[in-house]
Structure formats: structure tokens, C-alpha cells
Amino acid sequence: MPHMTAFARNQWYVAAYSHEVGRDLLGRTILGEPLVFYRTEDDGTAVALHDRCVHRRFPLSESRLDGDRVVWLPRLHLRHVRRLRVRAGPEAHPRTARVASYPVVEQDALVWVWIGDPALADPHIIPAPRTSPPRLGHRQRHGADRRRLRPPRRQPPRPVPRDVSARRLHRLPEVAETPITTEVDEGAGVVRVSRHMDDAECPPFYAKSTGIQGRITRWQDIEYHAPCLYLLHSRIAPVGVVPEEDGSDPNGFHTEITYAITPSSDGKVYDFWAVSATGPRPTRRSPSSCGATTTPSS
């Protein structure tokens, strides 16, 4: 009988930042599945196992590593062990007992895990940023932000004209007035939305981070990868400056923002985000230039 779940299991999900996974066991719940992450001793490869001992169902994340073996520490569960009468020695464990493992891919400072059928786990379908490897957002330096989803308050909907809502959000008329194009790739499960402005006002953030004075060419290309990955790519350049014929863009500034919302359990998610940026050296340095702690307006 197939596994019934409210989550889409045959997908890659961000489970951790690369710096979170090390030689200390990291417990994390993904799609309702308790997982434990660590790195192998020899080459540092990230590994994901089911976070339950096959013997007595205790969390492996509360144990320790001995080489590449996860060693259960009975002293941590002494009050439970006495009641369950756990025997010491190999005869206490069934010979056929195996802890389930999960496919893991480490890419662009993020650790991805596949919870579904391992035979379908193709690492080549994981989207890669167009720019340099992302820098982690400052909110996540000490771990993923696990949030509880709250149901919306019951209020009558108040329709707002599109141009009015966009003006309020971006505070720039060019953004609200420029039409967007939408493309749906059903085969790849990707929705692409683009807004290209050839002559727009330069927001203060971009003026400080790039040193550009005056009006700019501003391109925004968004990709939504089902079920829960959002990529925002932004190109900034002086008006009239376009990429070269060979595709290179030495005079353009590129920023890509990655948002990954990973379901943890019912009503709870992990919120991951990262920023990557490339471009010529700004003519005027600023604390906010091409940094990971400031997100450009979308």
C-alpha cells in the first residue's frame, strides 16, 4: 500500500545550511519524518538517517559518533532503559535491522534531502543559482528558522487595484506600471515571471550597493519551483548598458535571492534564505553593498 501523506515526498527539500551539518549530530524533522544529519569522518560527506534507533526507537540525534557509526548512549535514556530491560551486546539487535538512509545533495551552501522514493532522486533537477554561491542570510546564521503557520484572520476581502498595491509595495511608479510576463512550464513544474524596465529610477539600496548614479536598467526574473522554492534574479545596470553578444555581462550587477520553505510537520515549516551577488566593483563602497544581510526590493 503506498505511503499516504499530505506532503509531496518525491521532491528535493532544503534541510539545512552547509555550516549546520558537521560532526555533531543534527536532528531535524522534514515532512513529518525525524532525520539526523552528520558528516562522514573521511571526506566530510553529508549523510541523512532516520532519527530513530531500530532497537528501542530512541532518537539517534541524542547519541554520538564513533567514526562513521552512530553509537546509542543508553545513559541518556536510563529511566527508559530500566523499564524496557534492554540487553547489552550484539544479540540485543536483530541482524536484519537497518536504519533508513535518505539521498542527500550538498549544493550552493545548502543541504538538500529527498524523502520519497530513492530511485527517483535525480540530483540534476535541483535548481542552481545563476550567480556565485549564495551567502547565508544573517537571520539564519545559527540554524533554520522553524515557524508555525497561523491561519489567517477571518476578515472580508478588500480588493485593491493591482497598480495601487504595487505602488504601495515598491514605492516606485516604474515597477507598478511595467507589465509582467508569465510562463508556466508544467513539465518542469516551474512558473517564470519577468519584469524588465529599461529606464527606471534607481532605488537607494542599489545606488549605495552599486555606486550607480542616475537612472538604471532594471530586470527582475522570478522562478517558482514547485512545491516550495522561490528564486529572484535581479540585474541592475546604467541605462543603455546591456549584456554582450556572447552572453557575458561585465558591466551589470546581478543579485539572486533564494527562498526555500520546507515543511517540517503539520502547521510548521523551516524558512531558509540566501543571497548571492556578482558584478563590477562599486565605485562607492557602502556597508550594504552586495551583502547578505540586506535584501533588495523585489
Protein backbone atom coordinates (compact mmCIF):
# COMPACT_ATOMS: atom_id res chain seq x y z
CA MET A 1 0.00 0.00 0.00
CA PRO A 2 1.51 3.40 -0.94
CA HIS A 3 2.55 5.80 1.77
CA MET A 4 -0.23 8.35 2.29
CA THR A 5 0.87 11.83 3.28
CA ALA A 6 -0.20 15.45 3.00
CA PHE A 7 3.25 16.40 1.69
CA ALA A 8 4.78 16.00 -1.76
CA ARG A 9 7.51 13.49 -0.93
CA ASN A 10 9.16 12.93 -4.31
CA GLN A 11 10.85 16.33 -4.27
CA TRP A 12 14.15 17.80 -3.13
CA TYR A 13 13.86 19.94 0.01
CA VAL A 14 16.38 22.16 1.74
CA ALA A 15 17.05 20.58 5.13
CA ALA A 16 19.97 22.66 6.45
CA TYR A 17 22.70 25.11 5.63
CA SER A 18 26.07 23.52 4.94
CA HIS A 19 27.62 25.04 8.04
CA GLU A 20 24.93 23.47 10.25
CA VAL A 21 25.92 19.91 9.33
CA GLY A 22 29.13 18.71 10.95
CA ARG A 23 30.47 16.00 13.21
CA ASP A 24 27.82 16.77 15.80
CA LEU A 25 24.51 15.04 15.16
CA LEU A 26 21.81 17.41 13.92
CA GLY A 27 18.20 16.37 14.42
CA ARG A 28 15.57 17.86 12.13
CA THR A 29 12.00 16.94 11.15
CA ILE A 30 11.29 17.11 7.40
CA LEU A 31 7.83 16.29 6.02
CA GLY A 32 6.97 14.75 9.36
CA GLU A 33 9.97 12.41 9.21
CA PRO A 34 12.55 12.65 12.03
CA LEU A 35 16.02 12.84 10.45
CA VAL A 36 19.55 13.08 11.78
CA PHE A 37 22.36 14.70 9.77
CA TYR A 38 26.14 14.47 10.13
CA ARG A 39 29.33 14.37 8.06
CA THR A 40 31.48 11.33 7.43
CA GLU A 41 34.90 11.26 9.07
CA ASP A 42 36.99 10.66 5.93
CA ASP A 43 35.68 13.08 3.30
CA GLY A 44 33.05 15.11 5.15
CA THR A 45 30.13 13.95 3.01
CA ALA A 46 26.74 14.94 4.43
CA VAL A 47 24.58 11.98 5.50
CA ALA A 48 20.90 11.77 6.48
CA LEU A 49 19.46 8.88 8.50
CA HIS A 50 16.11 8.17 10.10
CA ASP A 51 16.37 9.64 13.58
CA ARG A 52 15.20 6.55 15.42
CA CYS A 53 17.15 3.62 16.83
CA VAL A 54 15.91 0.35 15.31
CA HIS A 55 16.22 -1.26 18.72
CA ARG A 56 14.14 0.91 21.02
CA ARG A 57 13.10 3.85 18.81
CA PHE A 58 15.16 6.40 20.72
CA PRO A 59 16.37 9.48 18.78
CA LEU A 60 19.79 8.87 17.24
CA SER A 61 20.38 12.62 17.34
CA GLU A 62 20.79 12.29 21.11
CA SER A 63 23.67 9.86 20.64
CA ARG A 64 27.25 10.38 19.46
CA LEU A 65 29.51 9.45 16.57
CA ASP A 66 32.24 6.81 16.74
CA GLY A 67 33.96 7.19 13.40
CA ASP A 68 31.09 6.92 10.94
CA ARG A 69 28.92 4.88 13.29
CA VAL A 70 26.15 6.39 15.37
CA VAL A 71 26.53 4.97 18.87
CA TRP A 72 23.46 4.96 21.07
CA LEU A 73 24.09 6.26 24.58
CA PRO A 74 21.91 4.31 26.99
CA ARG A 75 22.84 6.56 29.90
CA LEU A 76 20.92 9.37 28.24
CA HIS A 77 17.79 7.22 28.43
CA LEU A 78 18.47 5.40 31.67
CA ARG A 79 14.99 5.83 33.11
CA HIS A 80 13.50 4.32 29.94
CA VAL A 81 16.12 1.59 29.67
CA ARG A 82 15.41 0.23 33.12
CA ARG A 83 11.76 -0.14 32.31
CA LEU A 84 12.40 -1.78 28.93
CA ARG A 85 15.13 -4.15 30.18
CA VAL A 86 17.50 -3.52 27.28
CA ARG A 87 20.18 -6.17 26.96
CA ALA A 88 23.75 -5.28 26.21
CA GLY A 89 25.69 -6.82 23.33
CA PRO A 90 25.02 -7.58 19.66
CA GLU A 91 22.38 -10.20 20.49
CA ALA A 92 20.07 -7.37 21.54
CA HIS A 93 19.75 -6.13 17.94
CA PRO A 94 18.07 -8.09 15.12
CA ARG A 95 20.58 -8.96 12.42
CA THR A 96 18.27 -7.63 9.71
CA ALA A 97 17.69 -4.30 11.44
CA ARG A 98 18.75 -1.33 9.34
CA VAL A 99 18.37 2.39 9.87
CA ALA A 100 16.82 4.02 6.81
CA SER A 101 19.02 6.50 4.93
CA TYR A 102 17.95 9.28 2.60
CA PRO A 103 19.56 10.74 -0.55
CA VAL A 104 21.44 13.95 0.21
CA VAL A 105 22.95 16.57 -2.11
CA GLU A 106 25.05 19.50 -0.93
CA GLN A 107 24.94 22.39 -3.38
CA ASP A 108 25.47 26.14 -3.11
CA ALA A 109 25.85 26.21 0.70
CA LEU A 110 22.58 24.29 1.14
CA VAL A 111 21.95 20.65 2.09
CA TRP A 112 19.07 19.06 0.18
CA VAL A 113 17.30 15.83 1.14
CA TRP A 114 14.90 13.52 -0.71
CA ILE A 115 12.23 11.91 1.47
CA GLY A 116 10.36 9.95 -1.24
CA ASP A 117 11.31 7.02 -3.47
CA PRO A 118 15.15 6.94 -3.62
CA ALA A 119 15.04 5.59 -7.18
CA LEU A 120 13.52 8.90 -8.33
CA ALA A 121 16.08 11.15 -6.60
CA ASP A 122 17.79 12.89 -9.52
CA PRO A 123 20.28 15.50 -8.22
CA HIS A 124 20.38 17.24 -11.61
CA ILE A 125 16.87 18.67 -11.13
CA ILE A 126 17.97 20.81 -8.17
CA PRO A 127 17.95 24.44 -9.39
CA ALA A 128 21.30 26.22 -9.29
CA PRO A 129 21.71 29.99 -8.87
CA ARG A 130 22.89 31.96 -11.89
CA THR A 131 25.42 33.90 -9.83
CA SER A 132 28.14 32.93 -7.36
CA PRO A 133 27.43 30.58 -4.43
CA PRO A 134 24.97 32.24 -2.04
CA ARG A 135 25.89 33.96 1.17
CA LEU A 136 23.69 32.99 4.07
CA GLY A 137 21.17 35.40 5.42
CA HIS A 138 22.01 36.84 8.82
CA ARG A 139 18.74 35.60 10.29
CA GLN A 140 19.86 32.02 9.74
CA ARG A 141 23.45 32.03 10.92
CA HIS A 142 22.55 29.89 13.92
CA GLY A 143 20.09 27.49 12.36
CA ALA A 144 16.94 27.28 10.31
CA ASP A 145 14.00 29.37 11.38
CA ARG A 146 11.19 26.96 12.24
CA ARG A 147 7.90 28.78 12.08
CA ARG A 148 4.37 27.84 12.99
CA LEU A 149 1.84 28.67 10.33
CA ARG A 150 -1.11 30.62 11.64
CA PRO A 151 -4.48 30.54 9.93
CA PRO A 152 -5.48 33.91 8.50
CA ARG A 153 -7.91 36.01 10.45
CA ARG A 154 -11.41 35.86 9.10
CA GLN A 155 -11.95 39.23 7.51
CA PRO A 156 -13.93 40.19 4.42
CA PRO A 157 -11.62 40.56 1.42
CA ARG A 158 -10.87 44.09 0.32
CA PRO A 159 -9.97 44.20 -3.36
CA VAL A 160 -7.11 46.57 -4.16
CA PRO A 161 -6.28 47.59 -7.74
CA ARG A 162 -3.05 45.99 -8.93
CA ASP A 163 -1.32 49.28 -9.69
CA VAL A 164 -2.19 50.66 -6.25
CA SER A 165 -0.90 47.60 -4.39
CA ALA A 166 2.32 47.56 -6.42
CA ARG A 167 2.91 51.25 -5.79
CA ARG A 168 2.49 50.73 -2.05
CA LEU A 169 4.87 47.76 -2.06
CA HIS A 170 7.66 49.12 -4.25
CA ARG A 171 7.08 52.89 -3.92
CA LEU A 172 8.33 53.37 -7.48
CA PRO A 173 5.95 54.07 -10.38
CA GLU A 174 8.04 52.17 -12.95
CA VAL A 175 7.60 48.91 -11.06
CA ALA A 176 3.83 49.29 -10.86
CA GLU A 177 3.41 50.41 -14.46
CA THR A 178 5.71 47.92 -16.17
CA PRO A 179 3.79 44.83 -17.35
CA ILE A 180 4.95 41.38 -16.37
CA THR A 181 5.22 38.25 -18.49
CA THR A 182 4.33 34.83 -17.11
CA GLU A 183 5.39 31.43 -18.41
CA VAL A 184 4.30 28.08 -16.99
CA ASP A 185 6.47 25.02 -17.63
CA GLU A 186 4.21 22.19 -16.49
CA GLY A 187 6.74 19.51 -17.38
CA ALA A 188 9.43 21.02 -15.14
CA GLY A 189 6.98 22.29 -12.52
CA VAL A 190 8.28 25.86 -12.86
CA VAL A 191 6.46 29.19 -13.11
CA ARG A 192 8.54 32.07 -14.52
CA VAL A 193 7.60 35.71 -14.07
CA SER A 194 9.62 38.56 -15.60
CA ARG A 195 9.53 42.34 -15.38
CA HIS A 196 12.11 44.27 -17.43
CA MET A 197 12.45 48.04 -17.02
CA ASP A 198 14.81 49.73 -19.49
CA ASP A 199 14.65 53.19 -17.92
CA ALA A 200 13.79 53.26 -14.22
CA GLU A 201 14.59 55.22 -11.10
CA CYS A 202 17.45 53.74 -9.06
CA PRO A 203 16.29 52.72 -5.56
CA PRO A 204 18.51 53.89 -2.69
CA PHE A 205 19.65 50.33 -1.95
CA TYR A 206 21.02 49.82 -5.46
CA ALA A 207 22.56 53.30 -5.54
CA LYS A 208 24.51 52.52 -2.35
CA SER A 209 25.48 48.96 -3.28
CA THR A 210 26.49 49.59 -6.91
CA GLY A 211 27.54 53.24 -6.94
CA ILE A 212 25.35 53.87 -9.99
CA GLN A 213 24.11 57.46 -10.24
CA GLY A 214 21.04 58.35 -12.26
CA ARG A 215 18.51 56.07 -13.90
CA ILE A 216 19.04 52.38 -14.48
CA THR A 217 18.10 49.32 -16.49
CA ARG A 218 16.36 47.00 -14.02
CA TRP A 219 15.44 43.42 -14.85
CA GLN A 220 13.61 41.07 -12.50
CA ASP A 221 13.24 37.37 -13.31
CA ILE A 222 11.45 35.13 -10.84
CA GLU A 223 11.27 31.33 -10.85
CA TYR A 224 8.91 29.38 -8.63
CA HIS A 225 9.83 25.71 -8.44
CA ALA A 226 7.03 23.59 -7.05
CA PRO A 227 6.39 22.86 -4.32
CA CYS A 228 8.26 25.48 -2.26
CA LEU A 229 11.35 27.08 -3.83
CA TYR A 230 11.46 30.72 -4.97
CA LEU A 231 14.37 32.29 -6.88
CA LEU A 232 14.52 36.01 -7.59
CA HIS A 233 17.20 37.16 -10.05
CA SER A 234 17.76 40.89 -10.45
CA ARG A 235 20.00 42.68 -12.97
CA ILE A 236 20.99 46.31 -12.47
CA ALA A 237 23.00 48.45 -14.92
CA PRO A 238 23.14 52.05 -16.13
CA VAL A 239 20.55 52.92 -18.76
CA GLY A 240 21.58 51.55 -22.17
CA VAL A 241 24.09 49.03 -20.80
CA VAL A 242 23.10 45.53 -21.97
CA PRO A 243 24.86 42.14 -21.87
CA GLU A 244 27.49 41.37 -24.51
CA GLU A 245 26.66 39.31 -27.60
CA ASP A 246 28.45 36.29 -26.13
CA GLY A 247 26.20 36.41 -23.05
CA SER A 248 28.76 37.90 -20.68
CA ASP A 249 27.74 40.92 -18.65
CA PRO A 250 30.85 42.62 -17.21
CA ASN A 251 29.07 45.92 -16.54
CA GLY A 252 25.92 44.55 -14.95
CA PHE A 253 25.22 43.85 -11.28
CA HIS A 254 23.42 40.59 -10.57
CA THR A 255 21.71 39.60 -7.34
CA GLU A 256 19.87 36.36 -6.69
CA ILE A 257 17.74 35.71 -3.64
CA THR A 258 16.81 32.16 -2.70
CA TYR A 259 13.80 31.38 -0.53
CA ALA A 260 13.16 27.77 0.47
CA ILE A 261 10.15 26.93 2.62
CA THR A 262 10.45 23.32 3.81
CA PRO A 263 7.53 21.64 5.60
CA SER A 264 8.53 20.25 8.98
CA SER A 265 5.26 18.88 10.33
CA ASP A 266 1.62 19.89 10.28
CA GLY A 267 1.48 23.64 10.73
CA LYS A 268 5.27 24.12 10.94
CA VAL A 269 7.88 24.98 8.31
CA TYR A 270 11.58 25.81 8.05
CA ASP A 271 12.34 29.16 6.41
CA PHE A 272 15.70 29.20 4.59
CA TRP A 273 17.04 32.11 2.59
CA ALA A 274 20.31 33.12 1.00
CA VAL A 275 21.71 35.86 -1.23
CA SER A 276 24.32 35.68 -3.98
CA ALA A 277 25.69 38.63 -5.93
CA THR A 278 28.18 39.38 -8.70
CA GLY A 279 29.19 42.47 -10.62
CA PRO A 280 31.93 45.06 -11.09
CA ARG A 281 33.43 46.66 -8.02
CA PRO A 282 31.19 49.51 -6.83
CA THR A 283 32.57 52.98 -7.36
CA ARG A 284 31.45 53.94 -3.88
CA ARG A 285 31.78 51.48 -1.02
CA SER A 286 28.97 51.04 1.45
CA PRO A 287 28.20 48.66 4.34
CA SER A 288 25.17 47.41 2.38
CA SER A 289 26.98 46.69 -0.88
CA CYS A 290 26.37 43.22 -2.24
CA GLY A 291 25.88 41.85 1.26
CA ALA A 292 23.88 39.01 2.68
CA THR A 293 22.19 41.00 5.39
CA THR A 294 20.20 43.29 3.09
CA THR A 295 17.59 42.10 0.62
CA PRO A 296 16.87 44.30 -2.41
CA SER A 297 13.28 45.19 -3.06
CA SER A 298 11.55 42.82 -5.43
